[in-house]
Amino acid sequence: MSFTAGFAVMEVTVRGVLPIGDATENVTYFILDTAKSAIVGQVVLPKAVKRSLAVALTVKVPSTAGSLAIGTFDDGGNFQVASFLRVEIPAVERPDGAVGPSGR
């Protein structure tokens, strides 16, 4: 997914442990801005793997994105959250306010 020049982005991390099984096909998981009901990113992962596999992928999304969820869409077009994946937003993206010594 690409954004036009001048579009502010932030990096989020998709983390989780893939399901174990025999399925070999890939699945596209969409990152959804739940406040706007808009797709802001995607990752393609195996549907299942032979043994436990943790993933951590960095994805760029619009910096205006609010609450994020990751999942797929069912045949009726309804968003289904992937219970084994999560989207982590950086704790400090743009520092606001006074910055100075702490812990005194």
PDB file of N, CA and C in Angstrom:
ATOM      1  N   MET A   1       0.854  -1.165   0.000  1.00  0.00           N
ATOM      2  CA  MET A   1       0.000   0.000   0.000  1.00  0.00           C
ATOM      3  C   MET A   1       0.894   1.221   0.000  1.00  0.00           C
ATOM      4  N   SER A   2       0.629   2.180  -0.851  1.00  0.00           N
ATOM      5  CA  SER A   2       1.454   3.383  -0.896  1.00  0.00           C
ATOM      6  C   SER A   2       0.584   4.607  -0.666  1.00  0.00           C
ATOM      7  N   PHE A   3       1.210   5.623  -0.151  1.00  0.00           N
ATOM      8  CA  PHE A   3       0.511   6.869   0.129  1.00  0.00           C
ATOM      9  C   PHE A   3       1.143   7.976  -0.701  1.00  0.00           C
ATOM     10  N   THR A   4       0.357   8.997  -1.003  1.00  0.00           N
ATOM     11  CA  THR A   4       0.880  10.105  -1.795  1.00  0.00           C
ATOM     12  C   THR A   4       1.857  10.923  -0.966  1.00  0.00           C
ATOM     13  N   ALA A   5       2.732  11.652  -1.647  1.00  0.00           N
ATOM     14  CA  ALA A   5       3.733  12.469  -0.970  1.00  0.00           C
ATOM     15  C   ALA A   5       3.055  13.459  -0.039  1.00  0.00           C
ATOM     16  N   GLY A   6       3.663  13.680   1.116  1.00  0.00           N
ATOM     17  CA  GLY A   6       3.121  14.631   2.069  1.00  0.00           C
ATOM     18  C   GLY A   6       2.075  14.038   2.993  1.00  0.00           C
ATOM     19  N   PHE A   7       1.771  12.774   2.836  1.00  0.00           N
ATOM     20  CA  PHE A   7       0.786  12.104   3.680  1.00  0.00           C
ATOM     21  C   PHE A   7       1.517  11.589   4.914  1.00  0.00           C
ATOM     22  N   ALA A   8       1.132  12.071   6.084  1.00  0.00           N
ATOM     23  CA  ALA A   8       1.820  11.680   7.313  1.00  0.00           C
ATOM     24  C   ALA A   8       1.494  10.231   7.660  1.00  0.00           C
ATOM     25  N   VAL A   9       2.540   9.463   7.925  1.00  0.00           N
ATOM     26  CA  VAL A   9       2.346   8.056   8.277  1.00  0.00           C
ATOM     27  C   VAL A   9       3.015   7.761   9.615  1.00  0.00           C
ATOM     28  N   MET A  10       2.590   6.672  10.229  1.00  0.00           N
ATOM     29  CA  MET A  10       3.251   6.150  11.413  1.00  0.00           C
ATOM     30  C   MET A  10       3.411   4.652  11.209  1.00  0.00           C
ATOM     31  N   GLU A  11       4.385   4.095  11.897  1.00  0.00           N
ATOM     32  CA  GLU A  11       4.608   2.664  11.804  1.00  0.00           C
ATOM     33  C   GLU A  11       3.955   1.979  12.991  1.00  0.00           C
ATOM     34  N   VAL A  12       3.189   0.933  12.698  1.00  0.00           N
ATOM     35  CA  VAL A  12       2.592   0.101  13.735  1.00  0.00           C
ATOM     36  C   VAL A  12       3.178  -1.297  13.573  1.00  0.00           C
ATOM     37  N   THR A  13       3.050  -2.103  14.605  1.00  0.00           N
ATOM     38  CA  THR A  13       3.561  -3.469  14.546  1.00  0.00           C
ATOM     39  C   THR A  13       2.409  -4.451  14.687  1.00  0.00           C
ATOM     40  N   VAL A  14       2.335  -5.390  13.744  1.00  0.00           N
ATOM     41  CA  VAL A  14       1.366  -6.482  13.828  1.00  0.00           C
ATOM     42  C   VAL A  14       2.095  -7.640  14.491  1.00  0.00           C
ATOM     43  N   ARG A  15       1.567  -8.118  15.623  1.00  0.00           N
ATOM     44  CA  ARG A  15       2.189  -9.222  16.356  1.00  0.00           C
ATOM     45  C   ARG A  15       1.169 -10.321  16.621  1.00  0.00           C
ATOM     46  N   GLY A  16       1.681 -11.524  16.728  1.00  0.00           N
ATOM     47  CA  GLY A  16       0.828 -12.636  17.084  1.00  0.00           C
ATOM     48  C   GLY A  16       1.531 -13.956  16.862  1.00  0.00           C
ATOM     49  N   VAL A  17       0.813 -15.040  17.129  1.00  0.00           N
ATOM     50  CA  VAL A  17       1.311 -16.392  16.894  1.00  0.00           C
ATOM     51  C   VAL A  17       0.336 -17.050  15.935  1.00  0.00           C
ATOM     52  N   LEU A  18       0.845 -17.516  14.794  1.00  0.00           N
ATOM     53  CA  LEU A  18      -0.014 -18.079  13.753  1.00  0.00           C
ATOM     54  C   LEU A  18      -0.640 -19.393  14.197  1.00  0.00           C
ATOM     55  N   PRO A  19      -1.841 -19.688  13.701  1.00  0.00           N
ATOM     56  CA  PRO A  19      -2.496 -20.957  14.030  1.00  0.00           C
ATOM     57  C   PRO A  19      -1.697 -22.142  13.489  1.00  0.00           C
ATOM     58  N   ILE A  20      -1.750 -23.250  14.209  1.00  0.00           N
ATOM     59  CA  ILE A  20      -1.079 -24.473  13.773  1.00  0.00           C
ATOM     60  C   ILE A  20      -2.091 -25.326  13.011  1.00  0.00           C
ATOM     61  N   GLY A  21      -1.657 -25.842  11.846  1.00  0.00           N
ATOM     62  CA  GLY A  21      -2.540 -26.682  11.047  1.00  0.00           C
ATOM     63  C   GLY A  21      -1.887 -27.062   9.742  1.00  0.00           C
ATOM     64  N   ASP A  22      -2.678 -27.661   8.858  1.00  0.00           N
ATOM     65  CA  ASP A  22      -2.153 -28.148   7.581  1.00  0.00           C
ATOM     66  C   ASP A  22      -2.473 -27.245   6.401  1.00  0.00           C
ATOM     67  N   ALA A  23      -3.240 -26.179   6.616  1.00  0.00           N
ATOM     68  CA  ALA A  23      -3.611 -25.294   5.508  1.00  0.00           C
ATOM     69  C   ALA A  23      -2.364 -24.637   4.930  1.00  0.00           C
ATOM     70  N   THR A  24      -2.297 -24.542   3.612  1.00  0.00           N
ATOM     71  CA  THR A  24      -1.108 -23.983   2.978  1.00  0.00           C
ATOM     72  C   THR A  24      -1.365 -22.639   2.305  1.00  0.00           C
ATOM     73  N   GLU A  25      -2.630 -22.221   2.189  1.00  0.00           N
ATOM     74  CA  GLU A  25      -2.907 -20.966   1.484  1.00  0.00           C
ATOM     75  C   GLU A  25      -2.608 -19.758   2.369  1.00  0.00           C
ATOM     76  N   ASN A  26      -2.427 -18.621   1.716  1.00  0.00           N
ATOM     77  CA  ASN A  26      -2.197 -17.357   2.411  1.00  0.00           C
ATOM     78  C   ASN A  26      -3.512 -16.626   2.599  1.00  0.00           C
ATOM     79  N   VAL A  27      -3.555 -15.782   3.614  1.00  0.00           N
ATOM     80  CA  VAL A  27      -4.736 -14.991   3.928  1.00  0.00           C
ATOM     81  C   VAL A  27      -4.312 -13.527   4.026  1.00  0.00           C
ATOM     82  N   THR A  28      -5.105 -12.632   3.441  1.00  0.00           N
ATOM     83  CA  THR A  28      -4.863 -11.198   3.586  1.00  0.00           C
ATOM     84  C   THR A  28      -5.629 -10.710   4.812  1.00  0.00           C
ATOM     85  N   TYR A  29      -4.885 -10.136   5.753  1.00  0.00           N
ATOM     86  CA  TYR A  29      -5.487  -9.540   6.948  1.00  0.00           C
ATOM     87  C   TYR A  29      -5.447  -8.035   6.776  1.00  0.00           C
ATOM     88  N   PHE A  30      -6.583  -7.407   7.013  1.00  0.00           N
ATOM     89  CA  PHE A  30      -6.707  -5.969   6.826  1.00  0.00           C
ATOM     90  C   PHE A  30      -6.604  -5.255   8.167  1.00  0.00           C
ATOM     91  N   ILE A  31      -5.890  -4.115   8.172  1.00  0.00           N
ATOM     92  CA  ILE A  31      -5.831  -3.267   9.355  1.00  0.00           C
ATOM     93  C   ILE A  31      -6.909  -2.210   9.174  1.00  0.00           C
ATOM     94  N   LEU A  32      -7.827  -2.167  10.119  1.00  0.00           N
ATOM     95  CA  LEU A  32      -8.996  -1.309  10.025  1.00  0.00           C
ATOM     96  C   LEU A  32      -8.926  -0.197  11.060  1.00  0.00           C
ATOM     97  N   ASP A  33      -9.135   1.046  10.614  1.00  0.00           N
ATOM     98  CA  ASP A  33      -9.312   2.166  11.528  1.00  0.00           C
ATOM     99  C   ASP A  33     -10.768   2.081  11.970  1.00  0.00           C
ATOM    100  N   THR A  34     -10.995   1.591  13.184  1.00  0.00           N
ATOM    101  CA  THR A  34     -12.364   1.317  13.619  1.00  0.00           C
ATOM    102  C   THR A  34     -13.195   2.585  13.800  1.00  0.00           C
ATOM    103  N   ALA A  35     -12.539   3.713  14.089  1.00  0.00           N
ATOM    104  CA  ALA A  35     -13.272   4.969  14.261  1.00  0.00           C
ATOM    105  C   ALA A  35     -13.860   5.452  12.937  1.00  0.00           C
ATOM    106  N   LYS A  36     -13.139   5.183  11.842  1.00  0.00           N
ATOM    107  CA  LYS A  36     -13.580   5.654  10.525  1.00  0.00           C
ATOM    108  C   LYS A  36     -14.120   4.536   9.646  1.00  0.00           C
ATOM    109  N   SER A  37     -14.070   3.298  10.141  1.00  0.00           N
ATOM    110  CA  SER A  37     -14.447   2.123   9.339  1.00  0.00           C
ATOM    111  C   SER A  37     -13.734   2.136   7.989  1.00  0.00           C
ATOM    112  N   ALA A  38     -12.410   2.365   8.047  1.00  0.00           N
ATOM    113  CA  ALA A  38     -11.607   2.465   6.829  1.00  0.00           C
ATOM    114  C   ALA A  38     -10.415   1.514   6.918  1.00  0.00           C
ATOM    115  N   ILE A  39     -10.120   0.852   5.805  1.00  0.00           N
ATOM    116  CA  ILE A  39      -8.937   0.009   5.727  1.00  0.00           C
ATOM    117  C   ILE A  39      -7.723   0.916   5.570  1.00  0.00           C
ATOM    118  N   VAL A  40      -6.737   0.748   6.451  1.00  0.00           N
ATOM    119  CA  VAL A  40      -5.553   1.607   6.401  1.00  0.00           C
ATOM    120  C   VAL A  40      -4.263   0.827   6.137  1.00  0.00           C
ATOM    121  N   GLY A  41      -4.345  -0.493   6.065  1.00  0.00           N
ATOM    122  CA  GLY A  41      -3.165  -1.308   5.799  1.00  0.00           C
ATOM    123  C   GLY A  41      -3.550  -2.763   5.656  1.00  0.00           C
ATOM    124  N   GLN A  42      -2.569  -3.579   5.281  1.00  0.00           N
ATOM    125  CA  GLN A  42      -2.832  -5.012   5.160  1.00  0.00           C
ATOM    126  C   GLN A  42      -1.532  -5.791   5.258  1.00  0.00           C
ATOM    127  N   VAL A  43      -1.659  -7.052   5.664  1.00  0.00           N
ATOM    128  CA  VAL A  43      -0.533  -7.987   5.669  1.00  0.00           C
ATOM    129  C   VAL A  43      -1.051  -9.318   5.127  1.00  0.00           C
ATOM    130  N   VAL A  44      -0.160 -10.068   4.497  1.00  0.00           N
ATOM    131  CA  VAL A  44      -0.506 -11.394   3.986  1.00  0.00           C
ATOM    132  C   VAL A  44       0.295 -12.406   4.786  1.00  0.00           C
ATOM    133  N   LEU A  45      -0.417 -13.355   5.405  1.00  0.00           N
ATOM    134  CA  LEU A  45       0.215 -14.367   6.246  1.00  0.00           C
ATOM    135  C   LEU A  45      -0.337 -15.746   5.904  1.00  0.00           C
ATOM    136  N   PRO A  46       0.405 -16.808   6.241  1.00  0.00           N
ATOM    137  CA  PRO A  46      -0.130 -18.160   6.035  1.00  0.00           C
ATOM    138  C   PRO A  46      -1.373 -18.375   6.893  1.00  0.00           C
ATOM    139  N   LYS A  47      -2.326 -19.142   6.372  1.00  0.00           N
ATOM    140  CA  LYS A  47      -3.530 -19.454   7.132  1.00  0.00           C
ATOM    141  C   LYS A  47      -3.188 -20.290   8.360  1.00  0.00           C
ATOM    142  N   ALA A  48      -2.206 -21.173   8.205  1.00  0.00           N
ATOM    143  CA  ALA A  48      -1.748 -22.010   9.313  1.00  0.00           C
ATOM    144  C   ALA A  48      -0.313 -22.442   9.041  1.00  0.00           C
ATOM    145  N   VAL A  49       0.372 -22.854  10.097  1.00  0.00           N
ATOM    146  CA  VAL A  49       1.762 -23.309   9.987  1.00  0.00           C
ATOM    147  C   VAL A  49       1.899 -24.645  10.718  1.00  0.00           C
ATOM    148  N   LYS A  50       2.960 -25.388  10.402  1.00  0.00           N
ATOM    149  CA  LYS A  50       3.170 -26.725  10.971  1.00  0.00           C
ATOM    150  C   LYS A  50       3.534 -26.688  12.457  1.00  0.00           C
ATOM    151  N   ARG A  51       4.261 -25.634  12.882  1.00  0.00           N
ATOM    152  CA  ARG A  51       4.617 -25.514  14.296  1.00  0.00           C
ATOM    153  C   ARG A  51       4.501 -24.052  14.703  1.00  0.00           C
ATOM    154  N   SER A  52       4.464 -23.819  15.981  1.00  0.00           N
ATOM    155  CA  SER A  52       4.249 -22.477  16.519  1.00  0.00           C
ATOM    156  C   SER A  52       5.206 -21.468  15.891  1.00  0.00           C
ATOM    157  N   LEU A  53       4.650 -20.381  15.394  1.00  0.00           N
ATOM    158  CA  LEU A  53       5.452 -19.339  14.748  1.00  0.00           C
ATOM    159  C   LEU A  53       4.922 -17.969  15.157  1.00  0.00           C
ATOM    160  N   ALA A  54       5.774 -17.215  15.851  1.00  0.00           N
ATOM    161  CA  ALA A  54       5.419 -15.847  16.231  1.00  0.00           C
ATOM    162  C   ALA A  54       5.795 -14.911  15.093  1.00  0.00           C
ATOM    163  N   VAL A  55       4.958 -13.908  14.843  1.00  0.00           N
ATOM    164  CA  VAL A  55       5.233 -12.926  13.798  1.00  0.00           C
ATOM    165  C   VAL A  55       5.248 -11.526  14.419  1.00  0.00           C
ATOM    166  N   ALA A  56       6.051 -10.657  13.805  1.00  0.00           N
ATOM    167  CA  ALA A  56       6.097  -9.244  14.168  1.00  0.00           C
ATOM    168  C   ALA A  56       6.427  -8.495  12.882  1.00  0.00           C
ATOM    169  N   LEU A  57       5.433  -7.824  12.322  1.00  0.00           N
ATOM    170  CA  LEU A  57       5.597  -7.116  11.054  1.00  0.00           C
ATOM    171  C   LEU A  57       5.335  -5.635  11.256  1.00  0.00           C
ATOM    172  N   THR A  58       6.181  -4.794  10.649  1.00  0.00           N
ATOM    173  CA  THR A  58       5.982  -3.355  10.703  1.00  0.00           C
ATOM    174  C   THR A  58       5.179  -2.924   9.480  1.00  0.00           C
ATOM    175  N   VAL A  59       4.134  -2.137   9.719  1.00  0.00           N
ATOM    176  CA  VAL A  59       3.255  -1.668   8.647  1.00  0.00           C
ATOM    177  C   VAL A  59       3.074  -0.163   8.805  1.00  0.00           C
ATOM    178  N   LYS A  60       3.109   0.553   7.686  1.00  0.00           N
ATOM    179  CA  LYS A  60       2.867   1.996   7.715  1.00  0.00           C
ATOM    180  C   LYS A  60       1.370   2.249   7.506  1.00  0.00           C
ATOM    181  N   VAL A  61       0.829   3.097   8.371  1.00  0.00           N
ATOM    182  CA  VAL A  61      -0.583   3.489   8.286  1.00  0.00           C
ATOM    183  C   VAL A  61      -0.650   5.009   8.406  1.00  0.00           C
ATOM    184  N   PRO A  62      -1.776   5.616   8.012  1.00  0.00           N
ATOM    185  CA  PRO A  62      -1.898   7.072   8.166  1.00  0.00           C
ATOM    186  C   PRO A  62      -1.761   7.469   9.637  1.00  0.00           C
ATOM    187  N   SER A  63      -1.055   8.555   9.892  1.00  0.00           N
ATOM    188  CA  SER A  63      -0.859   8.992  11.281  1.00  0.00           C
ATOM    189  C   SER A  63      -2.168   9.466  11.908  1.00  0.00           C
ATOM    190  N   THR A  64      -3.178   9.687  11.088  1.00  0.00           N
ATOM    191  CA  THR A  64      -4.476  10.116  11.611  1.00  0.00           C
ATOM    192  C   THR A  64      -5.324   8.931  12.057  1.00  0.00           C
ATOM    193  N   ALA A  65      -4.822   7.710  11.845  1.00  0.00           N
ATOM    194  CA  ALA A  65      -5.592   6.523  12.224  1.00  0.00           C
ATOM    195  C   ALA A  65      -5.834   6.515  13.726  1.00  0.00           C
ATOM    196  N   GLY A  66      -7.023   6.105  14.102  1.00  0.00           N
ATOM    197  CA  GLY A  66      -7.379   6.054  15.521  1.00  0.00           C
ATOM    198  C   GLY A  66      -7.196   4.657  16.070  1.00  0.00           C
ATOM    199  N   SER A  67      -8.251   4.088  16.574  1.00  0.00           N
ATOM    200  CA  SER A  67      -8.221   2.747  17.132  1.00  0.00           C
ATOM    201  C   SER A  67      -8.107   1.737  15.983  1.00  0.00           C
ATOM    202  N   LEU A  68      -7.139   0.841  16.065  1.00  0.00           N
ATOM    203  CA  LEU A  68      -6.888  -0.096  14.973  1.00  0.00           C
ATOM    204  C   LEU A  68      -7.222  -1.528  15.376  1.00  0.00           C
ATOM    205  N   ALA A  69      -7.754  -2.278  14.414  1.00  0.00           N
ATOM    206  CA  ALA A  69      -8.034  -3.699  14.593  1.00  0.00           C
ATOM    207  C   ALA A  69      -7.518  -4.419  13.362  1.00  0.00           C
ATOM    208  N   ILE A  70      -7.247  -5.720  13.487  1.00  0.00           N
ATOM    209  CA  ILE A  70      -6.782  -6.501  12.341  1.00  0.00           C
ATOM    210  C   ILE A  70      -7.655  -7.739  12.207  1.00  0.00           C
ATOM    211  N   GLY A  71      -7.986  -8.059  10.954  1.00  0.00           N
ATOM    212  CA  GLY A  71      -8.820  -9.224  10.706  1.00  0.00           C
ATOM    213  C   GLY A  71      -9.117  -9.398   9.238  1.00  0.00           C
ATOM    214  N   THR A  72     -10.156 -10.170   8.960  1.00  0.00           N
ATOM    215  CA  THR A  72     -10.570 -10.470   7.596  1.00  0.00           C
ATOM    216  C   THR A  72     -12.037 -10.094   7.435  1.00  0.00           C
ATOM    217  N   PHE A  73     -12.510 -10.193   6.217  1.00  0.00           N
ATOM    218  CA  PHE A  73     -13.926  -9.959   5.945  1.00  0.00           C
ATOM    219  C   PHE A  73     -14.581 -11.275   5.567  1.00  0.00           C
ATOM    220  N   ASP A  74     -15.760 -11.558   6.129  1.00  0.00           N
ATOM    221  CA  ASP A  74     -16.473 -12.780   5.771  1.00  0.00           C
ATOM    222  C   ASP A  74     -17.209 -12.587   4.446  1.00  0.00           C
ATOM    223  N   ASP A  75     -17.881 -13.625   3.978  1.00  0.00           N
ATOM    224  CA  ASP A  75     -18.563 -13.570   2.682  1.00  0.00           C
ATOM    225  C   ASP A  75     -19.638 -12.491   2.619  1.00  0.00           C
ATOM    226  N   GLY A  76     -20.157 -12.076   3.774  1.00  0.00           N
ATOM    227  CA  GLY A  76     -21.176 -11.032   3.816  1.00  0.00           C
ATOM    228  C   GLY A  76     -20.596  -9.637   3.926  1.00  0.00           C
ATOM    229  N   GLY A  77     -19.242  -9.547   3.926  1.00  0.00           N
ATOM    230  CA  GLY A  77     -18.593  -8.241   4.016  1.00  0.00           C
ATOM    231  C   GLY A  77     -18.424  -7.725   5.430  1.00  0.00           C
ATOM    232  N   ASN A  78     -18.666  -8.588   6.419  1.00  0.00           N
ATOM    233  CA  ASN A  78     -18.524  -8.186   7.819  1.00  0.00           C
ATOM    234  C   ASN A  78     -17.091  -8.417   8.293  1.00  0.00           C
ATOM    235  N   PHE A  79     -16.546  -7.448   9.003  1.00  0.00           N
ATOM    236  CA  PHE A  79     -15.178  -7.536   9.509  1.00  0.00           C
ATOM    237  C   PHE A  79     -15.125  -8.523  10.661  1.00  0.00           C
ATOM    238  N   GLN A  80     -14.180  -9.456  10.602  1.00  0.00           N
ATOM    239  CA  GLN A  80     -13.985 -10.461  11.645  1.00  0.00           C
ATOM    240  C   GLN A  80     -12.590 -10.262  12.242  1.00  0.00           C
ATOM    241  N   VAL A  81     -12.515  -9.862  13.504  1.00  0.00           N
ATOM    242  CA  VAL A  81     -11.232  -9.618  14.160  1.00  0.00           C
ATOM    243  C   VAL A  81     -10.461 -10.927  14.277  1.00  0.00           C
ATOM    244  N   ALA A  82      -9.158 -10.892  13.954  1.00  0.00           N
ATOM    245  CA  ALA A  82      -8.282 -12.057  14.107  1.00  0.00           C
ATOM    246  C   ALA A  82      -7.856 -12.127  15.569  1.00  0.00           C
ATOM    247  N   SER A  83      -8.327 -13.136  16.291  1.00  0.00           N
ATOM    248  CA  SER A  83      -8.073 -13.230  17.730  1.00  0.00           C
ATOM    249  C   SER A  83      -6.608 -13.476  18.063  1.00  0.00           C
ATOM    250  N   PHE A  84      -5.838 -13.982  17.120  1.00  0.00           N
ATOM    251  CA  PHE A  84      -4.438 -14.330  17.383  1.00  0.00           C
ATOM    252  C   PHE A  84      -3.454 -13.254  16.924  1.00  0.00           C
ATOM    253  N   LEU A  85      -3.972 -12.134  16.392  1.00  0.00           N
ATOM    254  CA  LEU A  85      -3.122 -11.025  15.956  1.00  0.00           C
ATOM    255  C   LEU A  85      -3.542  -9.754  16.674  1.00  0.00           C
ATOM    256  N   ARG A  86      -2.583  -8.839  16.834  1.00  0.00           N
ATOM    257  CA  ARG A  86      -2.906  -7.527  17.405  1.00  0.00           C
ATOM    258  C   ARG A  86      -2.071  -6.463  16.704  1.00  0.00           C
ATOM    259  N   VAL A  87      -2.561  -5.233  16.752  1.00  0.00           N
ATOM    260  CA  VAL A  87      -1.839  -4.093  16.171  1.00  0.00           C
ATOM    261  C   VAL A  87      -1.354  -3.241  17.330  1.00  0.00           C
ATOM    262  N   GLU A  88      -0.028  -3.036  17.379  1.00  0.00           N
ATOM    263  CA  GLU A  88       0.564  -2.211  18.433  1.00  0.00           C
ATOM    264  C   GLU A  88       0.939  -0.858  17.855  1.00  0.00           C
ATOM    265  N   ILE A  89       0.423   0.191  18.491  1.00  0.00           N
ATOM    266  CA  ILE A  89       0.731   1.563  18.081  1.00  0.00           C
ATOM    267  C   ILE A  89       1.887   2.038  18.945  1.00  0.00           C
ATOM    268  N   PRO A  90       2.875   2.738  18.357  1.00  0.00           N
ATOM    269  CA  PRO A  90       4.008   3.210  19.167  1.00  0.00           C
ATOM    270  C   PRO A  90       3.527   4.070  20.324  1.00  0.00           C
ATOM    271  N   ALA A  91       4.147   3.888  21.469  1.00  0.00           N
ATOM    272  CA  ALA A  91       3.750   4.644  22.666  1.00  0.00           C
ATOM    273  C   ALA A  91       4.046   6.127  22.509  1.00  0.00           C
ATOM    274  N   VAL A  92       5.170   6.449  21.878  1.00  0.00           N
ATOM    275  CA  VAL A  92       5.544   7.854  21.692  1.00  0.00           C
ATOM    276  C   VAL A  92       5.792   8.072  20.205  1.00  0.00           C
ATOM    277  N   GLU A  93       4.829   8.664  19.529  1.00  0.00           N
ATOM    278  CA  GLU A  93       4.972   8.958  18.100  1.00  0.00           C
ATOM    279  C   GLU A  93       5.407  10.399  17.916  1.00  0.00           C
ATOM    280  N   ARG A  94       4.672  11.326  18.533  1.00  0.00           N
ATOM    281  CA  ARG A  94       4.984  12.749  18.432  1.00  0.00           C
ATOM    282  C   ARG A  94       4.922  13.331  19.832  1.00  0.00           C
ATOM    283  N   PRO A  95       6.067  13.613  20.438  1.00  0.00           N
ATOM    284  CA  PRO A  95       6.007  14.177  21.796  1.00  0.00           C
ATOM    285  C   PRO A  95       5.320  15.541  21.788  1.00  0.00           C
ATOM    286  N   ASP A  96       4.405  15.729  22.704  1.00  0.00           N
ATOM    287  CA  ASP A  96       3.695  17.004  22.847  1.00  0.00           C
ATOM    288  C   ASP A  96       3.986  17.554  24.236  1.00  0.00           C
ATOM    289  N   GLY A  97       3.996  18.852  24.363  1.00  0.00           N
ATOM    290  CA  GLY A  97       4.159  19.471  25.674  1.00  0.00           C
ATOM    291  C   GLY A  97       5.617  19.560  26.097  1.00  0.00           C
ATOM    292  N   ALA A  98       5.814  19.890  27.358  1.00  0.00           N
ATOM    293  CA  ALA A  98       7.161  20.087  27.898  1.00  0.00           C
ATOM    294  C   ALA A  98       7.893  18.764  28.013  1.00  0.00           C
ATOM    295  N   VAL A  99       9.177  18.811  27.686  1.00  0.00           N
ATOM    296  CA  VAL A  99      10.024  17.623  27.818  1.00  0.00           C
ATOM    297  C   VAL A  99      11.204  18.034  28.668  1.00  0.00           C
ATOM    298  N   GLY A 100      11.454  17.280  29.708  1.00  0.00           N
ATOM    299  CA  GLY A 100      12.580  17.615  30.582  1.00  0.00           C
ATOM    300  C   GLY A 100      12.954  16.434  31.435  1.00  0.00           C
ATOM    301  N   PRO A 101      13.847  16.670  32.397  1.00  0.00           N
ATOM    302  CA  PRO A 101      14.302  15.572  33.254  1.00  0.00           C
ATOM    303  C   PRO A 101      13.135  14.986  34.045  1.00  0.00           C
ATOM    304  N   SER A 102      13.223  13.683  34.282  1.00  0.00           N
ATOM    305  CA  SER A 102      12.198  13.034  35.082  1.00  0.00           C
ATOM    306  C   SER A 102      12.875  12.092  36.057  1.00  0.00           C
ATOM    307  N   GLY A 103      12.109  11.592  36.999  1.00  0.00           N
ATOM    308  CA  GLY A 103      12.617  10.607  37.934  1.00  0.00           C
ATOM    309  C   GLY A 103      13.468  11.205  39.050  1.00  0.00           C
ATOM    310  N   ARG A 104      13.236  12.473  39.368  1.00  0.00           N
ATOM    311  CA  ARG A 104      14.017  13.097  40.456  1.00  0.00           C
ATOM    312  C   ARG A 104      13.362  12.842  41.775  1.00  0.00           C
TER     313      ARG A 104
END
